[in-house]
Amino acid sequence: DVIDVIKKKAHTGRIGDGKIFISSVEEVVRIRTGETGK
């Protein structure tokens, strides 16, 4: 859904519209609370 939104809303049809890069994330930690993951 995120990729579709970016492709749709950032598109102008002219050169230089940009790129999207996707990579895996192993872990996320919220510094304030120590929560992890989702």
Full PDB file with SEQRES, HELIX, SHEET, SSBOND, CRYST1, ORIGX, SCALE, CONECT and MASTER records, all heavy atoms in Angstrom:
SEQRES   1 A   38  ASP VAL ILE ASP VAL ILE LYS LYS LYS ALA HIS THR GLY          
SEQRES   2 A   38  ARG ILE GLY ASP GLY LYS ILE PHE ILE SER SER VAL GLU          
SEQRES   3 A   38  GLU VAL VAL ARG ILE ARG THR GLY GLU THR GLY LYS              
HELIX    1 AA1 VAL A    2  ALA A   10  1                                   9    
CRYST1    1.000    1.000    1.000  90.00  90.00  90.00 P 1           1          
ORIGX1      1.000000  0.000000  0.000000        0.00000                         
ORIGX2      0.000000  1.000000  0.000000        0.00000                         
ORIGX3      0.000000  0.000000  1.000000        0.00000                         
SCALE1      1.000000  0.000000  0.000000        0.00000                         
SCALE2      0.000000  1.000000  0.000000        0.00000                         
SCALE3      0.000000  0.000000  1.000000        0.00000                         
ATOM      1  N   ASP A   1       0.833  -1.204   0.000  1.00  0.00           N  
ATOM      2  CA  ASP A   1       0.000   0.000   0.000  1.00  0.00           C  
ATOM      3  C   ASP A   1       0.871   1.260   0.000  1.00  0.00           C  
ATOM      4  O   ASP A   1       0.587   2.228  -0.710  1.00  0.00           O  
ATOM      5  CB  ASP A   1      -0.936   0.021   1.210  1.00  0.00           C  
ATOM      6  CG  ASP A   1      -1.996  -1.061   1.141  1.00  0.00           C  
ATOM      7  OD1 ASP A   1      -2.285  -1.543   0.026  1.00  0.00           O  
ATOM      8  OD2 ASP A   1      -2.536  -1.430   2.202  1.00  0.00           O  
ATOM      9  N   VAL A   2       1.932   1.247   0.813  1.00  0.00           N  
ATOM     10  CA  VAL A   2       2.831   2.404   0.881  1.00  0.00           C  
ATOM     11  C   VAL A   2       3.515   2.631  -0.464  1.00  0.00           C  
ATOM     12  O   VAL A   2       3.586   3.764  -0.952  1.00  0.00           O  
ATOM     13  CB  VAL A   2       3.874   2.214   2.010  1.00  0.00           C  
ATOM     14  CG1 VAL A   2       4.986   3.247   1.912  1.00  0.00           C  
ATOM     15  CG2 VAL A   2       3.198   2.273   3.370  1.00  0.00           C  
ATOM     16  N   ILE A   3       3.995   1.571  -1.071  1.00  0.00           N  
ATOM     17  CA  ILE A   3       4.656   1.696  -2.375  1.00  0.00           C  
ATOM     18  C   ILE A   3       3.683   2.243  -3.413  1.00  0.00           C  
ATOM     19  O   ILE A   3       4.025   3.140  -4.196  1.00  0.00           O  
ATOM     20  CB  ILE A   3       5.245   0.348  -2.817  1.00  0.00           C  
ATOM     21  CG1 ILE A   3       6.400  -0.038  -1.899  1.00  0.00           C  
ATOM     22  CG2 ILE A   3       5.712   0.397  -4.262  1.00  0.00           C  
ATOM     23  CD1 ILE A   3       6.873  -1.466  -2.050  1.00  0.00           C  
ATOM     24  N   ASP A   4       2.457   1.740  -3.421  1.00  0.00           N  
ATOM     25  CA  ASP A   4       1.448   2.223  -4.374  1.00  0.00           C  
ATOM     26  C   ASP A   4       1.159   3.712  -4.181  1.00  0.00           C  
ATOM     27  O   ASP A   4       1.041   4.460  -5.151  1.00  0.00           O  
ATOM     28  CB  ASP A   4       0.151   1.420  -4.249  1.00  0.00           C  
ATOM     29  CG  ASP A   4       0.283  -0.003  -4.762  1.00  0.00           C  
ATOM     30  OD1 ASP A   4       1.256  -0.276  -5.523  1.00  0.00           O  
ATOM     31  OD2 ASP A   4      -0.562  -0.841  -4.410  1.00  0.00           O  
ATOM     32  N   VAL A   5       1.042   4.134  -2.920  1.00  0.00           N  
ATOM     33  CA  VAL A   5       0.775   5.546  -2.633  1.00  0.00           C  
ATOM     34  C   VAL A   5       1.915   6.419  -3.133  1.00  0.00           C  
ATOM     35  O   VAL A   5       1.697   7.436  -3.796  1.00  0.00           O  
ATOM     36  CB  VAL A   5       0.557   5.770  -1.110  1.00  0.00           C  
ATOM     37  CG1 VAL A   5       0.710   7.227  -0.734  1.00  0.00           C  
ATOM     38  CG2 VAL A   5      -0.805   5.248  -0.698  1.00  0.00           C  
ATOM     39  N   ILE A   6       3.149   6.032  -2.828  1.00  0.00           N  
ATOM     40  CA  ILE A   6       4.293   6.838  -3.247  1.00  0.00           C  
ATOM     41  C   ILE A   6       4.377   6.898  -4.771  1.00  0.00           C  
ATOM     42  O   ILE A   6       4.578   7.976  -5.344  1.00  0.00           O  
ATOM     43  CB  ILE A   6       5.599   6.308  -2.624  1.00  0.00           C  
ATOM     44  CG1 ILE A   6       5.552   6.452  -1.099  1.00  0.00           C  
ATOM     45  CG2 ILE A   6       6.811   7.047  -3.204  1.00  0.00           C  
ATOM     46  CD1 ILE A   6       6.684   5.752  -0.369  1.00  0.00           C  
ATOM     47  N   LYS A   7       4.199   5.744  -5.426  1.00  0.00           N  
ATOM     48  CA  LYS A   7       4.256   5.736  -6.885  1.00  0.00           C  
ATOM     49  C   LYS A   7       3.180   6.645  -7.486  1.00  0.00           C  
ATOM     50  O   LYS A   7       3.443   7.394  -8.424  1.00  0.00           O  
ATOM     51  CB  LYS A   7       4.079   4.316  -7.422  1.00  0.00           C  
ATOM     52  CG  LYS A   7       5.314   3.464  -7.268  1.00  0.00           C  
ATOM     53  CD  LYS A   7       5.272   2.095  -7.901  1.00  0.00           C  
ATOM     54  CE  LYS A   7       3.980   1.508  -8.270  1.00  0.00           C  
ATOM     55  NZ  LYS A   7       4.055   0.103  -8.712  1.00  0.00           N  
ATOM     56  N   LYS A   8       1.981   6.582  -6.929  1.00  0.00           N  
ATOM     57  CA  LYS A   8       0.862   7.349  -7.469  1.00  0.00           C  
ATOM     58  C   LYS A   8       1.023   8.848  -7.208  1.00  0.00           C  
ATOM     59  O   LYS A   8       0.855   9.671  -8.113  1.00  0.00           O  
ATOM     60  CB  LYS A   8      -0.438   6.844  -6.846  1.00  0.00           C  
ATOM     61  CG  LYS A   8      -1.687   7.515  -7.357  1.00  0.00           C  
ATOM     62  CD  LYS A   8      -2.915   6.841  -6.794  1.00  0.00           C  
ATOM     63  CE  LYS A   8      -3.821   7.878  -6.172  1.00  0.00           C  
ATOM     64  NZ  LYS A   8      -4.879   7.343  -5.356  1.00  0.00           N  
ATOM     65  N   LYS A   9       1.381   9.210  -5.990  1.00  0.00           N  
ATOM     66  CA  LYS A   9       1.412  10.622  -5.608  1.00  0.00           C  
ATOM     67  C   LYS A   9       2.695  11.347  -6.007  1.00  0.00           C  
ATOM     68  O   LYS A   9       2.690  12.567  -6.168  1.00  0.00           O  
ATOM     69  CB  LYS A   9       1.174  10.774  -4.100  1.00  0.00           C  
ATOM     70  CG  LYS A   9      -0.220  10.401  -3.681  1.00  0.00           C  
ATOM     71  CD  LYS A   9      -1.228  11.297  -4.378  1.00  0.00           C  
ATOM     72  CE  LYS A   9      -2.648  10.955  -4.010  1.00  0.00           C  
ATOM     73  NZ  LYS A   9      -3.624  11.849  -4.637  1.00  0.00           N  
ATOM     74  N   ALA A  10       3.805  10.638  -6.177  1.00  0.00           N  
ATOM     75  CA  ALA A  10       5.065  11.284  -6.556  1.00  0.00           C  
ATOM     76  C   ALA A  10       5.260  11.322  -8.068  1.00  0.00           C  
ATOM     77  O   ALA A  10       6.184  11.957  -8.557  1.00  0.00           O  
ATOM     78  CB  ALA A  10       6.240  10.576  -5.886  1.00  0.00           C  
ATOM     79  N   HIS A  11       4.392  10.676  -8.805  1.00  0.00           N  
ATOM     80  CA  HIS A  11       4.528  10.558 -10.261  1.00  0.00           C  
ATOM     81  C   HIS A  11       4.172  11.863 -10.968  1.00  0.00           C  
ATOM     82  O   HIS A  11       3.136  12.458 -10.705  1.00  0.00           O  
ATOM     83  CB  HIS A  11       3.606   9.441 -10.763  1.00  0.00           C  
ATOM     84  CG  HIS A  11       3.673   9.232 -12.234  1.00  0.00           C  
ATOM     85  ND1 HIS A  11       2.758   9.798 -13.087  1.00  0.00           N  
ATOM     86  CD2 HIS A  11       4.548   8.554 -13.001  1.00  0.00           C  
ATOM     87  CE1 HIS A  11       3.054   9.457 -14.326  1.00  0.00           C  
ATOM     88  NE2 HIS A  11       4.146   8.704 -14.301  1.00  0.00           N  
ATOM     89  N   THR A  12       5.072  12.310 -11.855  1.00  0.00           N  
ATOM     90  CA  THR A  12       4.769  13.441 -12.734  1.00  0.00           C  
ATOM     91  C   THR A  12       4.866  13.020 -14.195  1.00  0.00           C  
ATOM     92  O   THR A  12       4.387  13.726 -15.061  1.00  0.00           O  
ATOM     93  CB  THR A  12       5.749  14.620 -12.523  1.00  0.00           C  
ATOM     94  OG1 THR A  12       7.055  14.229 -12.945  1.00  0.00           O  
ATOM     95  CG2 THR A  12       5.759  15.093 -11.086  1.00  0.00           C  
ATOM     96  N   GLY A  13       5.536  11.887 -14.442  1.00  0.00           N  
ATOM     97  CA  GLY A  13       5.728  11.432 -15.810  1.00  0.00           C  
ATOM     98  C   GLY A  13       6.968  12.017 -16.464  1.00  0.00           C  
ATOM     99  O   GLY A  13       7.262  11.720 -17.613  1.00  0.00           O  
ATOM    100  N   ARG A  14       7.696  12.856 -15.726  1.00  0.00           N  
ATOM    101  CA  ARG A  14       8.913  13.457 -16.258  1.00  0.00           C  
ATOM    102  C   ARG A  14      10.130  12.826 -15.607  1.00  0.00           C  
ATOM    103  O   ARG A  14      10.048  12.257 -14.514  1.00  0.00           O  
ATOM    104  CB  ARG A  14       8.903  14.971 -16.014  1.00  0.00           C  
ATOM    105  CG  ARG A  14       7.780  15.673 -16.776  1.00  0.00           C  
ATOM    106  CD  ARG A  14       7.892  17.178 -16.657  1.00  0.00           C  
ATOM    107  NE  ARG A  14       7.875  17.635 -15.273  1.00  0.00           N  
ATOM    108  CZ  ARG A  14       6.802  18.119 -14.664  1.00  0.00           C  
ATOM    109  NH1 ARG A  14       5.655  18.193 -15.301  1.00  0.00           N  
ATOM    110  NH2 ARG A  14       6.869  18.536 -13.422  1.00  0.00           N  
ATOM    111  N   ILE A  15      11.258  12.945 -16.266  1.00  0.00           N  
ATOM    112  CA  ILE A  15      12.490  12.393 -15.735  1.00  0.00           C  
ATOM    113  C   ILE A  15      12.787  13.030 -14.370  1.00  0.00           C  
ATOM    114  O   ILE A  15      12.494  14.202 -14.147  1.00  0.00           O  
ATOM    115  CB  ILE A  15      13.653  12.605 -16.735  1.00  0.00           C  
ATOM    116  CG1 ILE A  15      14.839  11.745 -16.364  1.00  0.00           C  
ATOM    117  CG2 ILE A  15      14.023  14.058 -16.848  1.00  0.00           C  
ATOM    118  CD1 ILE A  15      15.864  11.628 -17.468  1.00  0.00           C  
ATOM    119  N   GLY A  16      13.301  12.234 -13.453  1.00  0.00           N  
ATOM    120  CA  GLY A  16      13.627  12.742 -12.124  1.00  0.00           C  
ATOM    121  C   GLY A  16      12.538  12.562 -11.094  1.00  0.00           C  
ATOM    122  O   GLY A  16      12.591  13.157 -10.018  1.00  0.00           O  
ATOM    123  N   ASP A  17      11.518  11.742 -11.389  1.00  0.00           N  
ATOM    124  CA  ASP A  17      10.449  11.508 -10.414  1.00  0.00           C  
ATOM    125  C   ASP A  17      10.961  10.839  -9.141  1.00  0.00           C  
ATOM    126  O   ASP A  17      10.377  11.010  -8.088  1.00  0.00           O  
ATOM    127  CB  ASP A  17       9.335  10.645 -11.019  1.00  0.00           C  
ATOM    128  CG  ASP A  17       8.309  11.471 -11.775  1.00  0.00           C  
ATOM    129  OD1 ASP A  17       8.365  12.713 -11.702  1.00  0.00           O  
ATOM    130  OD2 ASP A  17       7.447  10.866 -12.429  1.00  0.00           O  
ATOM    131  N   GLY A  18      12.034  10.071  -9.232  1.00  0.00           N  
ATOM    132  CA  GLY A  18      12.626   9.498  -8.027  1.00  0.00           C  
ATOM    133  C   GLY A  18      12.687   7.993  -8.036  1.00  0.00           C  
ATOM    134  O   GLY A  18      12.432   7.329  -9.044  1.00  0.00           O  
ATOM    135  N   LYS A  19      13.004   7.451  -6.871  1.00  0.00           N  
ATOM    136  CA  LYS A  19      13.156   6.002  -6.684  1.00  0.00           C  
ATOM    137  C   LYS A  19      12.609   5.614  -5.322  1.00  0.00           C  
ATOM    138  O   LYS A  19      12.532   6.424  -4.407  1.00  0.00           O  
ATOM    139  CB  LYS A  19      14.636   5.617  -6.726  1.00  0.00           C  
ATOM    140  CG  LYS A  19      15.343   5.876  -8.029  1.00  0.00           C  
ATOM    141  CD  LYS A  19      15.706   4.581  -8.673  1.00  0.00           C  
ATOM    142  CE  LYS A  19      16.358   4.646 -10.016  1.00  0.00           C  
ATOM    143  NZ  LYS A  19      16.869   5.803 -10.580  1.00  0.00           N  
ATOM    144  N   ILE A  20      12.268   4.332  -5.201  1.00  0.00           N  
ATOM    145  CA  ILE A  20      11.828   3.756  -3.926  1.00  0.00           C  
ATOM    146  C   ILE A  20      12.736   2.574  -3.632  1.00  0.00           C  
ATOM    147  O   ILE A  20      12.951   1.727  -4.493  1.00  0.00           O  
ATOM    148  CB  ILE A  20      10.362   3.287  -3.991  1.00  0.00           C  
ATOM    149  CG1 ILE A  20       9.435   4.452  -4.354  1.00  0.00           C  
ATOM    150  CG2 ILE A  20       9.949   2.655  -2.667  1.00  0.00           C  
ATOM    151  CD1 ILE A  20       8.009   4.021  -4.648  1.00  0.00           C  
ATOM    152  N   PHE A  21      13.255   2.531  -2.405  1.00  0.00           N  
ATOM    153  CA  PHE A  21      14.116   1.437  -1.965  1.00  0.00           C  
ATOM    154  C   PHE A  21      13.451   0.743  -0.786  1.00  0.00           C  
ATOM    155  O   PHE A  21      12.963   1.402   0.132  1.00  0.00           O  
ATOM    156  CB  PHE A  21      15.493   1.956  -1.526  1.00  0.00           C  
ATOM    157  CG  PHE A  21      16.171   2.785  -2.575  1.00  0.00           C  
ATOM    158  CD1 PHE A  21      16.067   4.174  -2.565  1.00  0.00           C  
ATOM    159  CD2 PHE A  21      16.908   2.190  -3.580  1.00  0.00           C  
ATOM    160  CE1 PHE A  21      16.694   4.942  -3.528  1.00  0.00           C  
ATOM    161  CE2 PHE A  21      17.538   2.957  -4.557  1.00  0.00           C  
ATOM    162  CZ  PHE A  21      17.435   4.335  -4.524  1.00  0.00           C  
ATOM    163  N   ILE A  22      13.428  -0.592  -0.799  1.00  0.00           N  
ATOM    164  CA  ILE A  22      12.815  -1.374   0.277  1.00  0.00           C  
ATOM    165  C   ILE A  22      13.865  -2.301   0.853  1.00  0.00           C  
ATOM    166  O   ILE A  22      14.549  -3.010   0.112  1.00  0.00           O  
ATOM    167  CB  ILE A  22      11.613  -2.196  -0.238  1.00  0.00           C  
ATOM    168  CG1 ILE A  22      10.550  -1.274  -0.842  1.00  0.00           C  
ATOM    169  CG2 ILE A  22      10.989  -3.001   0.888  1.00  0.00           C  
ATOM    170  CD1 ILE A  22      10.524  -1.286  -2.309  1.00  0.00           C  
ATOM    171  N   SER A  23      13.992  -2.309   2.179  1.00  0.00           N  
ATOM    172  CA  SER A  23      14.936  -3.215   2.827  1.00  0.00           C  
ATOM    173  C   SER A  23      14.295  -3.791   4.091  1.00  0.00           C  
ATOM    174  O   SER A  23      13.360  -3.216   4.655  1.00  0.00           O  
ATOM    175  CB  SER A  23      16.247  -2.510   3.158  1.00  0.00           C  
ATOM    176  OG  SER A  23      16.022  -1.331   3.889  1.00  0.00           O  
ATOM    177  N   SER A  24      14.801  -4.924   4.532  1.00  0.00           N  
ATOM    178  CA  SER A  24      14.275  -5.582   5.728  1.00  0.00           C  
ATOM    179  C   SER A  24      14.842  -4.934   6.988  1.00  0.00           C  
ATOM    180  O   SER A  24      15.988  -4.501   7.017  1.00  0.00           O  
ATOM    181  CB  SER A  24      14.645  -7.064   5.722  1.00  0.00           C  
ATOM    182  OG  SER A  24      13.996  -7.707   4.656  1.00  0.00           O  
ATOM    183  N   VAL A  25      14.010  -4.912   8.011  1.00  0.00           N  
ATOM    184  CA  VAL A  25      14.414  -4.381   9.315  1.00  0.00           C  
ATOM    185  C   VAL A  25      14.301  -5.522  10.319  1.00  0.00           C  
ATOM    186  O   VAL A  25      13.239  -6.134  10.452  1.00  0.00           O  
ATOM    187  CB  VAL A  25      13.516  -3.199   9.737  1.00  0.00           C  
ATOM    188  CG1 VAL A  25      13.827  -2.751  11.154  1.00  0.00           C  
ATOM    189  CG2 VAL A  25      13.668  -2.053   8.762  1.00  0.00           C  
ATOM    190  N   GLU A  26      15.379  -5.804  10.999  1.00  0.00           N  
ATOM    191  CA  GLU A  26      15.370  -6.912  11.959  1.00  0.00           C  
ATOM    192  C   GLU A  26      14.678  -6.552  13.260  1.00  0.00           C  
ATOM    193  O   GLU A  26      13.957  -7.360  13.826  1.00  0.00           O  
ATOM    194  CB  GLU A  26      16.806  -7.351  12.246  1.00  0.00           C  
ATOM    195  CG  GLU A  26      17.445  -8.025  11.057  1.00  0.00           C  
ATOM    196  CD  GLU A  26      18.830  -8.548  11.394  1.00  0.00           C  
ATOM    197  OE1 GLU A  26      19.053  -8.940  12.552  1.00  0.00           O  
ATOM    198  OE2 GLU A  26      19.663  -8.553  10.486  1.00  0.00           O  
ATOM    199  N   GLU A  27      14.883  -5.336  13.742  1.00  0.00           N  
ATOM    200  CA  GLU A  27      14.317  -4.965  15.038  1.00  0.00           C  
ATOM    201  C   GLU A  27      14.159  -3.457  15.120  1.00  0.00           C  
ATOM    202  O   GLU A  27      14.908  -2.712  14.496  1.00  0.00           O  
ATOM    203  CB  GLU A  27      15.237  -5.443  16.163  1.00  0.00           C  
ATOM    204  CG  GLU A  27      14.681  -5.250  17.559  1.00  0.00           C  
ATOM    205  CD  GLU A  27      13.415  -6.037  17.810  1.00  0.00           C  
ATOM    206  OE1 GLU A  27      13.515  -7.212  18.198  1.00  0.00           O  
ATOM    207  OE2 GLU A  27      12.314  -5.482  17.622  1.00  0.00           O  
ATOM    208  N   VAL A  28      13.170  -3.029  15.895  1.00  0.00           N  
ATOM    209  CA  VAL A  28      12.943  -1.617  16.193  1.00  0.00           C  
ATOM    210  C   VAL A  28      12.814  -1.499  17.700  1.00  0.00           C  
ATOM    211  O   VAL A  28      12.150  -2.325  18.338  1.00  0.00           O  
ATOM    212  CB  VAL A  28      11.653  -1.098  15.517  1.00  0.00           C  
ATOM    213  CG1 VAL A  28      11.386   0.341  15.911  1.00  0.00           C  
ATOM    214  CG2 VAL A  28      11.737  -1.245  14.020  1.00  0.00           C  
ATOM    215  N   VAL A  29      13.441  -0.493  18.282  1.00  0.00           N  
ATOM    216  CA  VAL A  29      13.361  -0.258  19.720  1.00  0.00           C  
ATOM    217  C   VAL A  29      12.987   1.198  19.952  1.00  0.00           C  
ATOM    218  O   VAL A  29      13.637   2.100  19.433  1.00  0.00           O  
ATOM    219  CB  VAL A  29      14.712  -0.549  20.422  1.00  0.00           C  
ATOM    220  CG1 VAL A  29      14.615  -0.264  21.913  1.00  0.00           C  
ATOM    221  CG2 VAL A  29      15.150  -1.979  20.165  1.00  0.00           C  
ATOM    222  N   ARG A  30      11.922   1.419  20.708  1.00  0.00           N  
ATOM    223  CA  ARG A  30      11.533   2.780  21.094  1.00  0.00           C  
ATOM    224  C   ARG A  30      12.368   3.149  22.317  1.00  0.00           C  
ATOM    225  O   ARG A  30      12.311   2.479  23.345  1.00  0.00           O  
ATOM    226  CB  ARG A  30      10.047   2.857  21.421  1.00  0.00           C  
ATOM    227  CG  ARG A  30       9.587   4.280  21.735  1.00  0.00           C  
ATOM    228  CD  ARG A  30       8.124   4.303  22.154  1.00  0.00           C  
ATOM    229  NE  ARG A  30       7.277   3.582  21.223  1.00  0.00           N  
ATOM    230  CZ  ARG A  30       6.546   4.147  20.262  1.00  0.00           C  
ATOM    231  NH1 ARG A  30       6.551   5.449  20.114  1.00  0.00           N  
ATOM    232  NH2 ARG A  30       5.804   3.420  19.463  1.00  0.00           N  
ATOM    233  N   ILE A  31      13.150   4.204  22.190  1.00  0.00           N  
ATOM    234  CA  ILE A  31      14.084   4.585  23.248  1.00  0.00           C  
ATOM    235  C   ILE A  31      13.349   4.959  24.537  1.00  0.00           C  
ATOM    236  O   ILE A  31      13.747   4.532  25.633  1.00  0.00           O  
ATOM    237  CB  ILE A  31      14.985   5.737  22.777  1.00  0.00           C  
ATOM    238  CG1 ILE A  31      15.869   5.258  21.630  1.00  0.00           C  
ATOM    239  CG2 ILE A  31      15.816   6.294  23.925  1.00  0.00           C  
ATOM    240  CD1 ILE A  31      16.656   6.348  20.943  1.00  0.00           C  
ATOM    241  N   ARG A  32      12.282   5.719  24.439  1.00  0.00           N  
ATOM    242  CA  ARG A  32      11.590   6.224  25.629  1.00  0.00           C  
ATOM    243  C   ARG A  32      11.038   5.106  26.505  1.00  0.00           C  
ATOM    244  O   ARG A  32      11.184   5.126  27.724  1.00  0.00           O  
ATOM    245  CB  ARG A  32      10.446   7.165  25.221  1.00  0.00           C  
ATOM    246  CG  ARG A  32       9.664   7.746  26.386  1.00  0.00           C  
ATOM    247  CD  ARG A  32       8.585   8.721  25.911  1.00  0.00           C  
ATOM    248  NE  ARG A  32       7.669   8.138  24.950  1.00  0.00           N  
ATOM    249  CZ  ARG A  32       6.560   7.486  25.265  1.00  0.00           C  
ATOM    250  NH1 ARG A  32       6.221   7.301  26.523  1.00  0.00           N  
ATOM    251  NH2 ARG A  32       5.777   7.009  24.315  1.00  0.00           N  
ATOM    252  N   THR A  33      10.392   4.105  25.889  1.00  0.00           N  
ATOM    253  CA  THR A  33       9.699   3.086  26.675  1.00  0.00           C  
ATOM    254  C   THR A  33      10.392   1.728  26.667  1.00  0.00           C  
ATOM    255  O   THR A  33      10.053   0.852  27.463  1.00  0.00           O  
ATOM    256  CB  THR A  33       8.281   2.865  26.119  1.00  0.00           C  
ATOM    257  OG1 THR A  33       8.378   2.410  24.765  1.00  0.00           O  
ATOM    258  CG2 THR A  33       7.469   4.140  26.188  1.00  0.00           C  
ATOM    259  N   GLY A  34      11.307   1.514  25.745  1.00  0.00           N  
ATOM    260  CA  GLY A  34      11.946   0.225  25.620  1.00  0.00           C  
ATOM    261  C   GLY A  34      11.135  -0.797  24.824  1.00  0.00           C  
ATOM    262  O   GLY A  34      11.552  -1.936  24.678  1.00  0.00           O  
ATOM    263  N   GLU A  35       9.973  -0.367  24.279  1.00  0.00           N  
ATOM    264  CA  GLU A  35       9.166  -1.276  23.470  1.00  0.00           C  
ATOM    265  C   GLU A  35       9.965  -1.715  22.253  1.00  0.00           C  
ATOM    266  O   GLU A  35      10.800  -0.973  21.746  1.00  0.00           O  
ATOM    267  CB  GLU A  35       7.894  -0.575  22.998  1.00  0.00           C  
ATOM    268  CG  GLU A  35       6.916  -0.240  24.099  1.00  0.00           C  
ATOM    269  CD  GLU A  35       5.782   0.640  23.601  1.00  0.00           C  
ATOM    270  OE1 GLU A  35       6.067   1.795  23.238  1.00  0.00           O  
ATOM    271  OE2 GLU A  35       4.645   0.144  23.541  1.00  0.00           O  
ATOM    272  N   THR A  36       9.669  -2.931  21.777  1.00  0.00           N  
ATOM    273  CA  THR A  36      10.367  -3.462  20.627  1.00  0.00           C  
ATOM    274  C   THR A  36       9.377  -3.977  19.593  1.00  0.00           C  
ATOM    275  O   THR A  36       8.192  -4.156  19.864  1.00  0.00           O  
ATOM    276  CB  THR A  36      11.315  -4.609  21.024  1.00  0.00           C  
ATOM    277  OG1 THR A  36      10.546  -5.662  21.617  1.00  0.00           O  
ATOM    278  CG2 THR A  36      12.393  -4.127  21.988  1.00  0.00           C  
ATOM    279  N   GLY A  37       9.902  -4.217  18.387  1.00  0.00           N  
ATOM    280  CA  GLY A  37       9.089  -4.805  17.322  1.00  0.00           C  
ATOM    281  C   GLY A  37       7.978  -3.897  16.856  1.00  0.00           C  
ATOM    282  O   GLY A  37       8.110  -2.670  16.818  1.00  0.00           O  
ATOM    283  N   LYS A  38       6.846  -4.500  16.518  1.00  0.00           N  
ATOM    284  CA  LYS A  38       5.697  -3.789  15.969  1.00  0.00           C  
ATOM    285  C   LYS A  38       5.209  -2.677  16.921  1.00  0.00           C  
ATOM    286  O   LYS A  38       4.759  -1.626  16.484  1.00  0.00           O  
ATOM    287  CB  LYS A  38       4.577  -4.776  15.685  1.00  0.00           C  
ATOM    288  CG  LYS A  38       3.382  -4.194  14.994  1.00  0.00           C  
ATOM    289  CD  LYS A  38       2.352  -5.273  14.688  1.00  0.00           C  
ATOM    290  CE  LYS A  38       1.117  -4.674  14.061  1.00  0.00           C  
ATOM    291  NZ  LYS A  38       0.105  -5.681  13.774  1.00  0.00           N  
TER     292      LYS A  38                                                      
MASTER        0    0    0    1    0    0    0    6  291    1    0    3          
END                                                                             
